[in-house]
Amino acid sequence: MSGHMKRSMASQEYQGEVASPAKAKRPHKGLREAMKDEEVQVHVDDLCVAILDKYPKARHHFLVLPREDIPGLHDLTAAHVGLLRHLESVGYSIIEKRGLDKGDFRLGYHAIPSMIQLHLHVISQDFVSPRLETQRHWNSFTTDFFVESFKFIDDIAKNGKFTLLNREQAMDLLSTELRCHKCNFEPSNIPDLKQHLERNIHEFTEGE
């Protein structure tokens, strides 16, 4: 089965965009290889490459990665601010080109990335995806563990490095009790949360 057909079948299941699993890599090393895969590329320029997230946590989930070899957040300095702004601009352009609403998305970085190579998440806020499976998945996108791009850029510009969270603070956020990101609902587990999200998806995404 071709990668295109696999993406189509997955999209029919939850109306999302996914990358083909045909060329699975070790998760912590796969991004640099994925950047070279034309099947998953959604944007390419001299400074960066944007791809479909291989394990999307929402209907629309993209990663924007610099071509420059930057392993992670703590490898950045104030000299990278221009590049970070470019990554953010590309993220918004991907949303626009798909005719989607910017208000339904957040752009940001995980305080402790799980994969090598700096990557900006561009993710819709429906969080309807079979790949969203654990409390850590949820908290990594709905707590301050997810550092919004504009805050991240401001921190790097002012301090010359990432200072907003230390490792202990970030890990504590991942163990936060489950809570809906749009209301006060406190689900007992992930299946309970996902049912809540699917029931309220239209209310959560309209008029934002």
N, C-alpha and C. Protein backbone atom coordinates (compact mmCIF):
# COMPACT_ATOMS: atom_id res chain seq x y z
N MET A 1 0.85 -1.20 0.00
CA MET A 1 0.00 0.00 0.00
C MET A 1 0.87 1.24 0.00
N SER A 2 0.56 2.20 -0.83
CA SER A 2 1.39 3.40 -0.94
C SER A 2 1.21 4.28 0.28
N GLY A 3 2.21 5.17 0.50
CA GLY A 3 2.12 6.12 1.60
C GLY A 3 0.91 7.01 1.46
N HIS A 4 0.58 7.38 0.18
CA HIS A 4 -0.57 8.26 -0.04
C HIS A 4 -1.85 7.59 0.39
N MET A 5 -2.02 6.28 0.04
CA MET A 5 -3.23 5.56 0.41
C MET A 5 -3.34 5.42 1.91
N LYS A 6 -2.21 5.19 2.58
CA LYS A 6 -2.24 5.06 4.03
C LYS A 6 -2.66 6.35 4.68
N ARG A 7 -2.17 7.47 4.16
CA ARG A 7 -2.58 8.76 4.72
C ARG A 7 -4.06 8.98 4.51
N SER A 8 -4.58 8.57 3.32
CA SER A 8 -5.99 8.77 3.01
C SER A 8 -6.86 7.96 3.95
N MET A 9 -6.47 6.69 4.20
CA MET A 9 -7.26 5.86 5.10
C MET A 9 -7.27 6.42 6.51
N ALA A 10 -6.13 6.87 6.97
CA ALA A 10 -6.07 7.44 8.32
C ALA A 10 -6.91 8.69 8.40
N SER A 11 -6.92 9.49 7.34
CA SER A 11 -7.70 10.72 7.34
C SER A 11 -9.18 10.41 7.43
N GLN A 12 -9.62 9.31 6.77
CA GLN A 12 -11.03 8.95 6.82
C GLN A 12 -11.44 8.56 8.22
N GLU A 13 -10.50 8.01 8.99
CA GLU A 13 -10.83 7.57 10.34
C GLU A 13 -11.09 8.74 11.27
N TYR A 14 -10.31 9.81 11.16
CA TYR A 14 -10.53 10.91 12.10
C TYR A 14 -10.37 12.28 11.45
N GLN A 15 -10.39 12.31 10.11
CA GLN A 15 -10.36 13.56 9.36
C GLN A 15 -9.12 14.38 9.69
N GLY A 16 -7.99 13.73 9.85
CA GLY A 16 -6.76 14.43 10.14
C GLY A 16 -5.70 14.19 9.09
N GLU A 17 -4.56 14.84 9.25
CA GLU A 17 -3.45 14.68 8.32
C GLU A 17 -2.35 13.91 9.03
N VAL A 18 -1.89 12.83 8.41
CA VAL A 18 -0.86 12.02 9.04
C VAL A 18 0.23 11.68 8.04
N ALA A 19 1.40 11.37 8.56
CA ALA A 19 2.50 10.89 7.73
C ALA A 19 2.44 9.38 7.64
N SER A 20 2.90 8.83 6.54
CA SER A 20 2.91 7.39 6.36
C SER A 20 3.84 6.72 7.37
N PRO A 21 3.42 5.59 7.99
CA PRO A 21 4.28 4.89 8.94
C PRO A 21 5.24 3.93 8.26
N ALA A 22 5.28 3.92 6.94
CA ALA A 22 6.04 2.91 6.21
C ALA A 22 7.53 2.95 6.50
N LYS A 23 8.06 4.13 6.83
CA LYS A 23 9.50 4.25 7.03
C LYS A 23 9.80 4.65 8.47
N ALA A 24 9.33 3.83 9.40
CA ALA A 24 9.48 4.17 10.81
C ALA A 24 10.94 4.27 11.22
N LYS A 25 11.25 5.28 12.02
CA LYS A 25 12.59 5.49 12.54
C LYS A 25 12.54 5.44 14.06
N ARG A 26 13.68 5.28 14.70
CA ARG A 26 13.71 5.40 16.15
C ARG A 26 13.24 6.80 16.50
N PRO A 27 12.23 6.92 17.39
CA PRO A 27 11.59 8.22 17.64
C PRO A 27 12.54 9.36 17.95
N HIS A 28 13.59 9.09 18.72
CA HIS A 28 14.45 10.19 19.15
C HIS A 28 15.43 10.64 18.08
N LYS A 29 15.52 9.90 16.98
CA LYS A 29 16.47 10.26 15.94
C LYS A 29 15.81 10.50 14.58
N GLY A 30 14.51 10.32 14.49
CA GLY A 30 13.86 10.28 13.20
C GLY A 30 13.63 11.60 12.49
N LEU A 31 13.67 12.71 13.19
CA LEU A 31 13.28 13.98 12.57
C LEU A 31 14.22 14.40 11.44
N ARG A 32 15.49 14.23 11.64
CA ARG A 32 16.43 14.66 10.60
C ARG A 32 16.24 13.86 9.32
N GLU A 33 15.89 12.59 9.46
CA GLU A 33 15.60 11.77 8.28
C GLU A 33 14.26 12.17 7.68
N ALA A 34 13.27 12.43 8.53
CA ALA A 34 11.94 12.81 8.04
C ALA A 34 11.98 14.09 7.22
N MET A 35 12.88 14.99 7.57
CA MET A 35 13.00 16.25 6.82
C MET A 35 13.33 16.01 5.35
N LYS A 36 13.96 14.88 5.05
CA LYS A 36 14.37 14.57 3.68
C LYS A 36 13.28 13.85 2.88
N ASP A 37 12.22 13.44 3.57
CA ASP A 37 11.16 12.64 2.95
C ASP A 37 10.12 13.53 2.28
N GLU A 38 10.11 13.55 0.95
CA GLU A 38 9.20 14.43 0.22
C GLU A 38 7.74 14.08 0.47
N GLU A 39 7.46 12.84 0.86
CA GLU A 39 6.08 12.43 1.12
C GLU A 39 5.45 13.21 2.26
N VAL A 40 6.25 13.62 3.21
CA VAL A 40 5.69 14.28 4.39
C VAL A 40 5.97 15.78 4.42
N GLN A 41 6.72 16.28 3.46
CA GLN A 41 7.04 17.71 3.42
C GLN A 41 5.81 18.53 3.03
N VAL A 42 5.59 19.62 3.75
CA VAL A 42 4.50 20.54 3.39
C VAL A 42 5.05 21.93 3.08
N HIS A 43 6.32 22.15 3.36
CA HIS A 43 6.98 23.42 3.05
C HIS A 43 8.48 23.20 3.05
N VAL A 44 9.15 23.81 2.05
CA VAL A 44 10.60 23.73 1.97
C VAL A 44 11.14 25.09 1.54
N ASP A 45 12.13 25.61 2.26
CA ASP A 45 12.82 26.82 1.81
C ASP A 45 14.28 26.73 2.23
N ASP A 46 15.02 27.79 2.05
CA ASP A 46 16.46 27.75 2.32
C ASP A 46 16.79 27.61 3.81
N LEU A 47 15.85 28.00 4.67
CA LEU A 47 16.12 27.99 6.11
C LEU A 47 15.47 26.85 6.87
N CYS A 48 14.38 26.30 6.34
CA CYS A 48 13.65 25.30 7.10
C CYS A 48 12.87 24.34 6.22
N VAL A 49 12.39 23.29 6.85
CA VAL A 49 11.51 22.31 6.23
C VAL A 49 10.35 22.07 7.19
N ALA A 50 9.13 22.02 6.67
CA ALA A 50 7.97 21.70 7.50
C ALA A 50 7.40 20.37 7.03
N ILE A 51 7.01 19.54 7.99
CA ILE A 51 6.53 18.20 7.68
C ILE A 51 5.25 17.89 8.47
N LEU A 52 4.54 16.86 8.02
CA LEU A 52 3.45 16.31 8.80
C LEU A 52 4.04 15.56 9.98
N ASP A 53 3.48 15.76 11.16
CA ASP A 53 3.93 15.00 12.31
C ASP A 53 3.58 13.52 12.09
N LYS A 54 4.53 12.65 12.31
CA LYS A 54 4.33 11.21 12.09
C LYS A 54 3.29 10.63 13.04
N TYR A 55 3.21 11.19 14.24
CA TYR A 55 2.25 10.72 15.24
C TYR A 55 1.40 11.91 15.71
N PRO A 56 0.53 12.42 14.84
CA PRO A 56 -0.22 13.65 15.13
C PRO A 56 -1.12 13.50 16.35
N LYS A 57 -1.15 14.55 17.15
CA LYS A 57 -1.99 14.54 18.35
C LYS A 57 -3.27 15.36 18.16
N ALA A 58 -3.55 15.74 16.90
CA ALA A 58 -4.76 16.48 16.57
C ALA A 58 -5.03 16.29 15.09
N ARG A 59 -6.15 16.83 14.62
CA ARG A 59 -6.49 16.68 13.21
C ARG A 59 -5.43 17.30 12.30
N HIS A 60 -4.83 18.37 12.76
CA HIS A 60 -3.78 19.04 11.99
C HIS A 60 -2.58 19.24 12.91
N HIS A 61 -1.47 18.62 12.56
CA HIS A 61 -0.27 18.69 13.40
C HIS A 61 0.96 18.67 12.50
N PHE A 62 1.66 19.78 12.46
CA PHE A 62 2.85 19.93 11.62
C PHE A 62 4.06 20.25 12.50
N LEU A 63 5.23 19.99 11.95
CA LEU A 63 6.48 20.36 12.60
C LEU A 63 7.28 21.22 11.63
N VAL A 64 7.82 22.33 12.13
CA VAL A 64 8.68 23.20 11.32
C VAL A 64 10.09 23.10 11.90
N LEU A 65 11.04 22.67 11.07
CA LEU A 65 12.40 22.40 11.54
C LEU A 65 13.42 23.21 10.76
N PRO A 66 14.39 23.78 11.46
CA PRO A 66 15.45 24.51 10.76
C PRO A 66 16.37 23.54 10.02
N ARG A 67 16.92 23.97 8.90
CA ARG A 67 17.92 23.16 8.21
C ARG A 67 19.22 23.10 9.02
N GLU A 68 19.49 24.18 9.73
CA GLU A 68 20.69 24.22 10.57
C GLU A 68 20.62 23.14 11.64
N ASP A 69 21.74 22.53 11.92
CA ASP A 69 21.81 21.48 12.93
C ASP A 69 21.70 22.09 14.32
N ILE A 70 20.49 22.04 14.89
CA ILE A 70 20.24 22.57 16.23
C ILE A 70 19.55 21.46 17.02
N PRO A 71 20.27 20.71 17.84
CA PRO A 71 19.69 19.56 18.53
C PRO A 71 18.47 19.89 19.39
N GLY A 72 18.51 21.01 20.13
CA GLY A 72 17.39 21.31 21.01
C GLY A 72 17.35 22.74 21.49
N LEU A 73 16.45 23.01 22.42
CA LEU A 73 16.20 24.36 22.91
C LEU A 73 17.44 24.99 23.53
N HIS A 74 18.22 24.20 24.21
CA HIS A 74 19.36 24.76 24.94
C HIS A 74 20.59 24.97 24.06
N ASP A 75 20.43 24.74 22.78
CA ASP A 75 21.51 25.02 21.82
C ASP A 75 21.30 26.36 21.12
N LEU A 76 20.28 27.08 21.53
CA LEU A 76 19.94 28.36 20.91
C LEU A 76 20.59 29.53 21.65
N THR A 77 20.86 30.59 20.90
CA THR A 77 21.34 31.86 21.46
C THR A 77 20.54 32.99 20.83
N ALA A 78 20.81 34.20 21.27
CA ALA A 78 20.10 35.36 20.71
C ALA A 78 20.33 35.48 19.21
N ALA A 79 21.41 34.91 18.71
CA ALA A 79 21.70 34.97 17.28
C ALA A 79 20.68 34.19 16.45
N HIS A 80 19.89 33.33 17.10
CA HIS A 80 18.91 32.51 16.40
C HIS A 80 17.52 33.15 16.35
N VAL A 81 17.36 34.31 16.92
CA VAL A 81 16.02 34.92 17.00
C VAL A 81 15.40 35.10 15.62
N GLY A 82 16.18 35.57 14.66
CA GLY A 82 15.67 35.75 13.31
C GLY A 82 15.17 34.44 12.72
N LEU A 83 15.91 33.37 12.93
CA LEU A 83 15.51 32.05 12.45
C LEU A 83 14.22 31.60 13.13
N LEU A 84 14.12 31.79 14.43
CA LEU A 84 12.92 31.39 15.17
C LEU A 84 11.69 32.14 14.67
N ARG A 85 11.86 33.42 14.36
CA ARG A 85 10.74 34.19 13.81
C ARG A 85 10.33 33.66 12.44
N HIS A 86 11.32 33.22 11.67
CA HIS A 86 11.01 32.65 10.36
C HIS A 86 10.23 31.34 10.51
N LEU A 87 10.64 30.49 11.44
CA LEU A 87 9.92 29.24 11.68
C LEU A 87 8.47 29.52 12.04
N GLU A 88 8.26 30.50 12.90
CA GLU A 88 6.90 30.88 13.30
C GLU A 88 6.10 31.37 12.11
N SER A 89 6.72 32.21 11.28
CA SER A 89 6.04 32.73 10.09
C SER A 89 5.63 31.61 9.15
N VAL A 90 6.51 30.65 8.97
CA VAL A 90 6.20 29.50 8.11
C VAL A 90 5.04 28.71 8.71
N GLY A 91 5.03 28.54 10.02
CA GLY A 91 3.94 27.83 10.67
C GLY A 91 2.59 28.47 10.38
N TYR A 92 2.52 29.79 10.49
CA TYR A 92 1.26 30.48 10.20
C TYR A 92 0.90 30.39 8.73
N SER A 93 1.90 30.40 7.85
CA SER A 93 1.62 30.33 6.42
C SER A 93 1.04 28.96 6.04
N ILE A 94 1.47 27.91 6.73
CA ILE A 94 0.91 26.57 6.48
C ILE A 94 -0.57 26.55 6.82
N ILE A 95 -0.93 27.16 7.93
CA ILE A 95 -2.33 27.24 8.34
C ILE A 95 -3.14 27.99 7.29
N GLU A 96 -2.64 29.14 6.86
CA GLU A 96 -3.34 29.97 5.89
C GLU A 96 -3.53 29.26 4.56
N LYS A 97 -2.48 28.61 4.08
CA LYS A 97 -2.54 27.94 2.77
C LYS A 97 -3.54 26.80 2.76
N ARG A 98 -3.85 26.25 3.92
CA ARG A 98 -4.85 25.18 4.00
C ARG A 98 -6.25 25.72 4.26
N GLY A 99 -6.37 27.03 4.30
CA GLY A 99 -7.68 27.63 4.51
C GLY A 99 -8.21 27.40 5.91
N LEU A 100 -7.31 27.21 6.86
CA LEU A 100 -7.70 26.96 8.24
C LEU A 100 -7.66 28.24 9.06
N ASP A 101 -8.28 28.20 10.22
CA ASP A 101 -8.38 29.38 11.09
C ASP A 101 -7.20 29.41 12.07
N LYS A 102 -6.44 30.50 12.04
CA LYS A 102 -5.30 30.63 12.97
C LYS A 102 -5.74 30.49 14.42
N GLY A 103 -6.96 30.93 14.71
CA GLY A 103 -7.44 30.88 16.08
C GLY A 103 -7.65 29.48 16.61
N ASP A 104 -7.66 28.49 15.70
CA ASP A 104 -7.84 27.10 16.11
C ASP A 104 -6.51 26.39 16.33
N PHE A 105 -5.41 27.14 16.26
CA PHE A 105 -4.07 26.55 16.37
C PHE A 105 -3.25 27.22 17.47
N ARG A 106 -2.27 26.47 17.96
CA ARG A 106 -1.20 27.04 18.78
C ARG A 106 0.13 26.60 18.18
N LEU A 107 1.11 27.49 18.28
CA LEU A 107 2.46 27.21 17.81
C LEU A 107 3.39 27.25 19.01
N GLY A 108 4.22 26.23 19.16
CA GLY A 108 5.11 26.24 20.31
C GLY A 108 6.07 25.07 20.35
N TYR A 109 6.86 25.06 21.43
CA TYR A 109 7.92 24.07 21.63
C TYR A 109 7.70 23.32 22.94
N HIS A 110 8.02 22.05 22.96
CA HIS A 110 8.01 21.31 24.21
C HIS A 110 9.23 21.71 25.05
N ALA A 111 8.99 21.93 26.33
CA ALA A 111 10.07 22.34 27.23
C ALA A 111 11.18 21.29 27.30
N ILE A 112 10.78 20.02 27.17
CA ILE A 112 11.76 18.93 27.07
C ILE A 112 11.39 18.13 25.82
N PRO A 113 11.98 18.44 24.69
CA PRO A 113 11.63 17.74 23.45
C PRO A 113 11.98 16.26 23.54
N SER A 114 11.18 15.43 22.89
CA SER A 114 11.42 13.99 22.91
C SER A 114 12.28 13.55 21.74
N MET A 115 12.57 14.48 20.82
CA MET A 115 13.32 14.12 19.62
C MET A 115 14.44 15.12 19.35
N ILE A 116 15.51 14.62 18.78
CA ILE A 116 16.65 15.46 18.42
C ILE A 116 16.31 16.28 17.19
N GLN A 117 16.73 17.50 17.17
CA GLN A 117 16.54 18.55 16.17
C GLN A 117 15.39 19.45 16.61
N LEU A 118 15.72 20.69 16.80
CA LEU A 118 14.74 21.69 17.18
C LEU A 118 13.53 21.61 16.26
N HIS A 119 12.32 21.66 16.83
CA HIS A 119 11.12 21.62 15.99
C HIS A 119 9.98 22.40 16.64
N LEU A 120 9.35 23.20 15.83
CA LEU A 120 8.19 23.99 16.23
C LEU A 120 6.93 23.21 15.92
N HIS A 121 6.10 22.99 16.94
CA HIS A 121 4.81 22.34 16.73
C HIS A 121 3.78 23.35 16.23
N VAL A 122 3.04 22.98 15.22
CA VAL A 122 1.90 23.75 14.72
C VAL A 122 0.71 22.81 14.85
N ILE A 123 -0.13 23.01 15.85
CA ILE A 123 -1.13 21.99 16.17
C ILE A 123 -2.51 22.59 16.40
N SER A 124 -3.52 21.97 15.78
CA SER A 124 -4.89 22.42 15.98
C SER A 124 -5.36 22.00 17.37
N GLN A 125 -6.32 22.75 17.89
CA GLN A 125 -6.72 22.59 19.29
C GLN A 125 -7.90 21.65 19.50
N ASP A 126 -8.27 20.88 18.48
CA ASP A 126 -9.32 19.87 18.64
C ASP A 126 -8.80 18.66 19.41
N PHE A 127 -7.53 18.30 19.19
CA PHE A 127 -6.89 17.14 19.82
C PHE A 127 -7.68 15.85 19.58
N VAL A 128 -8.30 15.78 18.41
CA VAL A 128 -8.99 14.56 18.01
C VAL A 128 -8.03 13.73 17.17
N SER A 129 -7.50 12.68 17.76
CA SER A 129 -6.53 11.83 17.07
C SER A 129 -6.35 10.52 17.82
N PRO A 130 -6.25 9.41 17.09
CA PRO A 130 -5.98 8.13 17.76
C PRO A 130 -4.59 8.07 18.37
N ARG A 131 -3.73 9.01 18.00
CA ARG A 131 -2.35 9.03 18.51
C ARG A 131 -2.23 9.73 19.86
N LEU A 132 -3.28 10.38 20.30
CA LEU A 132 -3.26 11.00 21.62
C LEU A 132 -3.70 9.93 22.61
N GLU A 133 -2.73 9.34 23.31
CA GLU A 133 -3.00 8.12 24.05
C GLU A 133 -2.72 8.18 25.55
N THR A 134 -1.97 9.17 26.00
CA THR A 134 -1.55 9.17 27.40
C THR A 134 -1.71 10.54 28.05
N GLN A 135 -1.65 10.53 29.38
CA GLN A 135 -1.69 11.77 30.15
C GLN A 135 -0.53 12.68 29.78
N ARG A 136 0.64 12.09 29.55
CA ARG A 136 1.81 12.88 29.17
C ARG A 136 1.60 13.53 27.80
N HIS A 137 1.01 12.81 26.87
CA HIS A 137 0.71 13.41 25.57
C HIS A 137 -0.15 14.66 25.77
N TRP A 138 -1.22 14.51 26.53
CA TRP A 138 -2.15 15.60 26.74
C TRP A 138 -1.48 16.79 27.42
N ASN A 139 -0.79 16.53 28.50
CA ASN A 139 -0.17 17.61 29.26
C ASN A 139 0.97 18.29 28.51
N SER A 140 1.57 17.58 27.58
CA SER A 140 2.67 18.18 26.83
C SER A 140 2.19 19.26 25.87
N PHE A 141 0.88 19.27 25.59
CA PHE A 141 0.34 20.29 24.69
C PHE A 141 -0.63 21.26 25.35
N THR A 142 -1.07 20.97 26.57
CA THR A 142 -2.12 21.79 27.18
C THR A 142 -1.71 22.45 28.50
N THR A 143 -0.47 22.25 28.92
CA THR A 143 0.05 22.94 30.10
C THR A 143 1.19 23.86 29.65
N ASP A 144 1.82 24.50 30.60
CA ASP A 144 2.95 25.38 30.27
C ASP A 144 4.18 24.61 29.81
N PHE A 145 4.10 23.28 29.81
CA PHE A 145 5.16 22.47 29.20
C PHE A 145 5.26 22.82 27.72
N PHE A 146 4.14 23.20 27.13
CA PHE A 146 4.10 23.66 25.74
C PHE A 146 4.36 25.16 25.76
N VAL A 147 5.56 25.54 25.36
CA VAL A 147 5.97 26.95 25.41
C VAL A 147 5.60 27.61 24.09
N GLU A 148 4.65 28.54 24.16
CA GLU A 148 4.19 29.17 22.92
C GLU A 148 5.33 29.91 22.23
N SER A 149 5.29 29.89 20.92
CA SER A 149 6.39 30.41 20.11
C SER A 149 6.74 31.85 20.47
N PHE A 150 5.74 32.71 20.62
CA PHE A 150 6.04 34.12 20.88
C PHE A 150 6.74 34.31 22.23
N LYS A 151 6.36 33.50 23.23
CA LYS A 151 7.01 33.57 24.53
C LYS A 151 8.44 33.02 24.45
N PHE A 152 8.58 31.97 23.69
CA PHE A 152 9.89 31.34 23.52
C PHE A 152 10.87 32.30 22.85
N ILE A 153 10.41 32.94 21.77
CA ILE A 153 11.27 33.88 21.05
C ILE A 153 11.64 35.06 21.94
N ASP A 154 10.68 35.56 22.69
CA ASP A 154 10.94 36.69 23.58
C ASP A 154 11.99 36.32 24.64
N ASP A 155 11.89 35.10 25.17
CA ASP A 155 12.84 34.63 26.18
C ASP A 155 14.25 34.55 25.60
N ILE A 156 14.38 33.97 24.41
CA ILE A 156 15.69 33.83 23.78
C ILE A 156 16.27 35.21 23.45
N ALA A 157 15.40 36.11 22.98
CA ALA A 157 15.87 37.46 22.62
C ALA A 157 16.37 38.22 23.84
N LYS A 158 15.66 38.09 24.97
CA LYS A 158 16.02 38.85 26.18
C LYS A 158 17.18 38.23 26.95
N ASN A 159 17.21 36.90 26.99
CA ASN A 159 18.17 36.22 27.87
C ASN A 159 19.28 35.46 27.14
N GLY A 160 19.15 35.35 25.83
CA GLY A 160 20.17 34.65 25.06
C GLY A 160 20.15 33.15 25.22
N LYS A 161 19.14 32.65 25.93
CA LYS A 161 18.98 31.21 26.13
C LYS A 161 17.58 30.94 26.66
N PHE A 162 17.21 29.66 26.72
CA PHE A 162 15.89 29.28 27.22
C PHE A 162 15.91 29.26 28.75
N THR A 163 15.05 30.08 29.36
CA THR A 163 15.06 30.20 30.82
C THR A 163 13.69 29.98 31.46
N LEU A 164 12.64 29.79 30.69
CA LEU A 164 11.28 29.81 31.23
C LEU A 164 10.97 28.65 32.17
N LEU A 165 11.55 27.49 31.92
CA LEU A 165 11.30 26.32 32.77
C LEU A 165 12.58 25.53 32.94
N ASN A 166 12.81 25.01 34.15
CA ASN A 166 13.90 24.05 34.31
C ASN A 166 13.32 22.65 34.17
N ARG A 167 14.18 21.66 34.18
CA ARG A 167 13.74 20.29 33.93
C ARG A 167 12.74 19.81 34.98
N GLU A 168 12.99 20.11 36.23
CA GLU A 168 12.09 19.66 37.30
C GLU A 168 10.70 20.26 37.14
N GLN A 169 10.63 21.55 36.84
CA GLN A 169 9.34 22.20 36.63
C GLN A 169 8.60 21.59 35.45
N ALA A 170 9.34 21.34 34.38
CA ALA A 170 8.72 20.76 33.19
C ALA A 170 8.18 19.37 33.46
N MET A 171 8.93 18.55 34.16
CA MET A 171 8.48 17.19 34.46
C MET A 171 7.25 17.19 35.36
N ASP A 172 7.19 18.13 36.28
CA ASP A 172 6.01 18.25 37.15
C ASP A 172 4.76 18.54 36.33
N LEU A 173 4.91 19.36 35.30
CA LEU A 173 3.76 19.71 34.46
C LEU A 173 3.21 18.49 33.72
N LEU A 174 4.08 17.58 33.35
CA LEU A 174 3.64 16.38 32.63
C LEU A 174 2.77 15.47 33.50
N SER A 175 2.91 15.57 34.81
CA SER A 175 2.13 14.72 35.71
C SER A 175 0.89 15.43 36.26
N THR A 176 0.59 16.61 35.72
CA THR A 176 -0.61 17.35 36.14
C THR A 176 -1.86 16.51 35.89
N GLU A 177 -2.85 16.63 36.77
CA GLU A 177 -4.12 15.91 36.59
C GLU A 177 -4.78 16.34 35.28
N LEU A 178 -5.46 15.40 34.65
CA LEU A 178 -6.13 15.69 33.39
C LEU A 178 -7.21 16.75 33.56
N ARG A 179 -7.26 17.66 32.60
CA ARG A 179 -8.28 18.70 32.61
C ARG A 179 -8.50 19.20 31.19
N CYS A 180 -9.75 19.41 30.82
CA CYS A 180 -10.05 19.92 29.49
C CYS A 180 -9.41 21.29 29.31
N HIS A 181 -8.85 21.53 28.14
CA HIS A 181 -8.18 22.81 27.87
C HIS A 181 -9.15 23.93 27.53
N LYS A 182 -10.45 23.59 27.41
CA LYS A 182 -11.45 24.59 27.03
C LYS A 182 -12.51 24.84 28.10
N CYS A 183 -12.61 23.95 29.07
CA CYS A 183 -13.62 24.13 30.12
C CYS A 183 -13.08 23.50 31.41
N ASN A 184 -13.91 23.41 32.42
CA ASN A 184 -13.46 22.92 33.73
C ASN A 184 -13.63 21.42 33.91
N PHE A 185 -13.99 20.71 32.85
CA PHE A 185 -14.21 19.27 32.94
C PHE A 185 -12.91 18.56 33.32
N GLU A 186 -13.01 17.67 34.33
CA GLU A 186 -11.86 16.89 34.78
C GLU A 186 -12.13 15.41 34.54
N PRO A 187 -11.65 14.88 33.44
CA PRO A 187 -11.90 13.48 33.10
C PRO A 187 -11.15 12.53 34.03
N SER A 188 -11.67 11.33 34.16
CA SER A 188 -11.02 10.35 35.03
C SER A 188 -9.87 9.64 34.33
N ASN A 189 -9.89 9.64 33.00
CA ASN A 189 -8.83 8.98 32.24
C ASN A 189 -8.85 9.51 30.80
N ILE A 190 -7.92 9.04 29.98
CA ILE A 190 -7.81 9.51 28.61
C ILE A 190 -9.04 9.15 27.77
N PRO A 191 -9.58 7.92 27.83
CA PRO A 191 -10.80 7.64 27.06
C PRO A 191 -11.95 8.58 27.41
N ASP A 192 -12.09 8.89 28.70
CA ASP A 192 -13.12 9.83 29.15
C ASP A 192 -12.89 11.21 28.54
N LEU A 193 -11.63 11.64 28.54
CA LEU A 193 -11.27 12.94 27.95
C LEU A 193 -11.57 12.96 26.46
N LYS A 194 -11.21 11.90 25.75
CA LYS A 194 -11.39 11.87 24.31
C LYS A 194 -12.87 11.89 23.92
N GLN A 195 -13.69 11.20 24.70
CA GLN A 195 -15.13 11.25 24.45
C GLN A 195 -15.65 12.67 24.63
N HIS A 196 -15.17 13.34 25.65
CA HIS A 196 -15.57 14.72 25.91
C HIS A 196 -15.16 15.63 24.75
N LEU A 197 -13.95 15.47 24.26
CA LEU A 197 -13.46 16.29 23.16
C LEU A 197 -14.28 16.07 21.89
N GLU A 198 -14.57 14.82 21.59
CA GLU A 198 -15.32 14.50 20.38
C GLU A 198 -16.76 15.01 20.46
N ARG A 199 -17.35 14.96 21.65
CA ARG A 199 -18.72 15.46 21.83
C ARG A 199 -18.79 16.97 21.64
N ASN A 200 -17.73 17.66 22.03
CA ASN A 200 -17.76 19.12 22.06
C ASN A 200 -16.88 19.78 21.00
N ILE A 201 -16.42 19.02 20.02
CA ILE A 201 -15.46 19.53 19.06
C ILE A 201 -15.95 20.77 18.33
N HIS A 202 -17.20 20.80 17.92
CA HIS A 202 -17.70 21.95 17.17
C HIS A 202 -17.79 23.20 18.05
N GLU A 203 -18.22 23.00 19.28
CA GLU A 203 -18.30 24.14 20.21
C GLU A 203 -16.91 24.70 20.50
N PHE A 204 -15.92 23.81 20.59
CA PHE A 204 -14.57 24.22 20.93
C PHE A 204 -13.84 24.91 19.79
N THR A 205 -14.23 24.62 18.55
CA THR A 205 -13.47 25.14 17.41
C THR A 205 -14.18 26.21 16.62
N GLU A 206 -15.44 26.48 16.89
CA GLU A 206 -16.16 27.51 16.15
C GLU A 206 -16.09 28.84 16.86
N GLY A 207 -15.89 29.88 16.08
CA GLY A 207 -15.97 31.24 16.58
C GLY A 207 -14.80 31.67 17.42
N GLU A 208 -13.64 30.98 17.28
CA GLU A 208 -12.46 31.38 18.06
C GLU A 208 -11.60 32.33 17.24
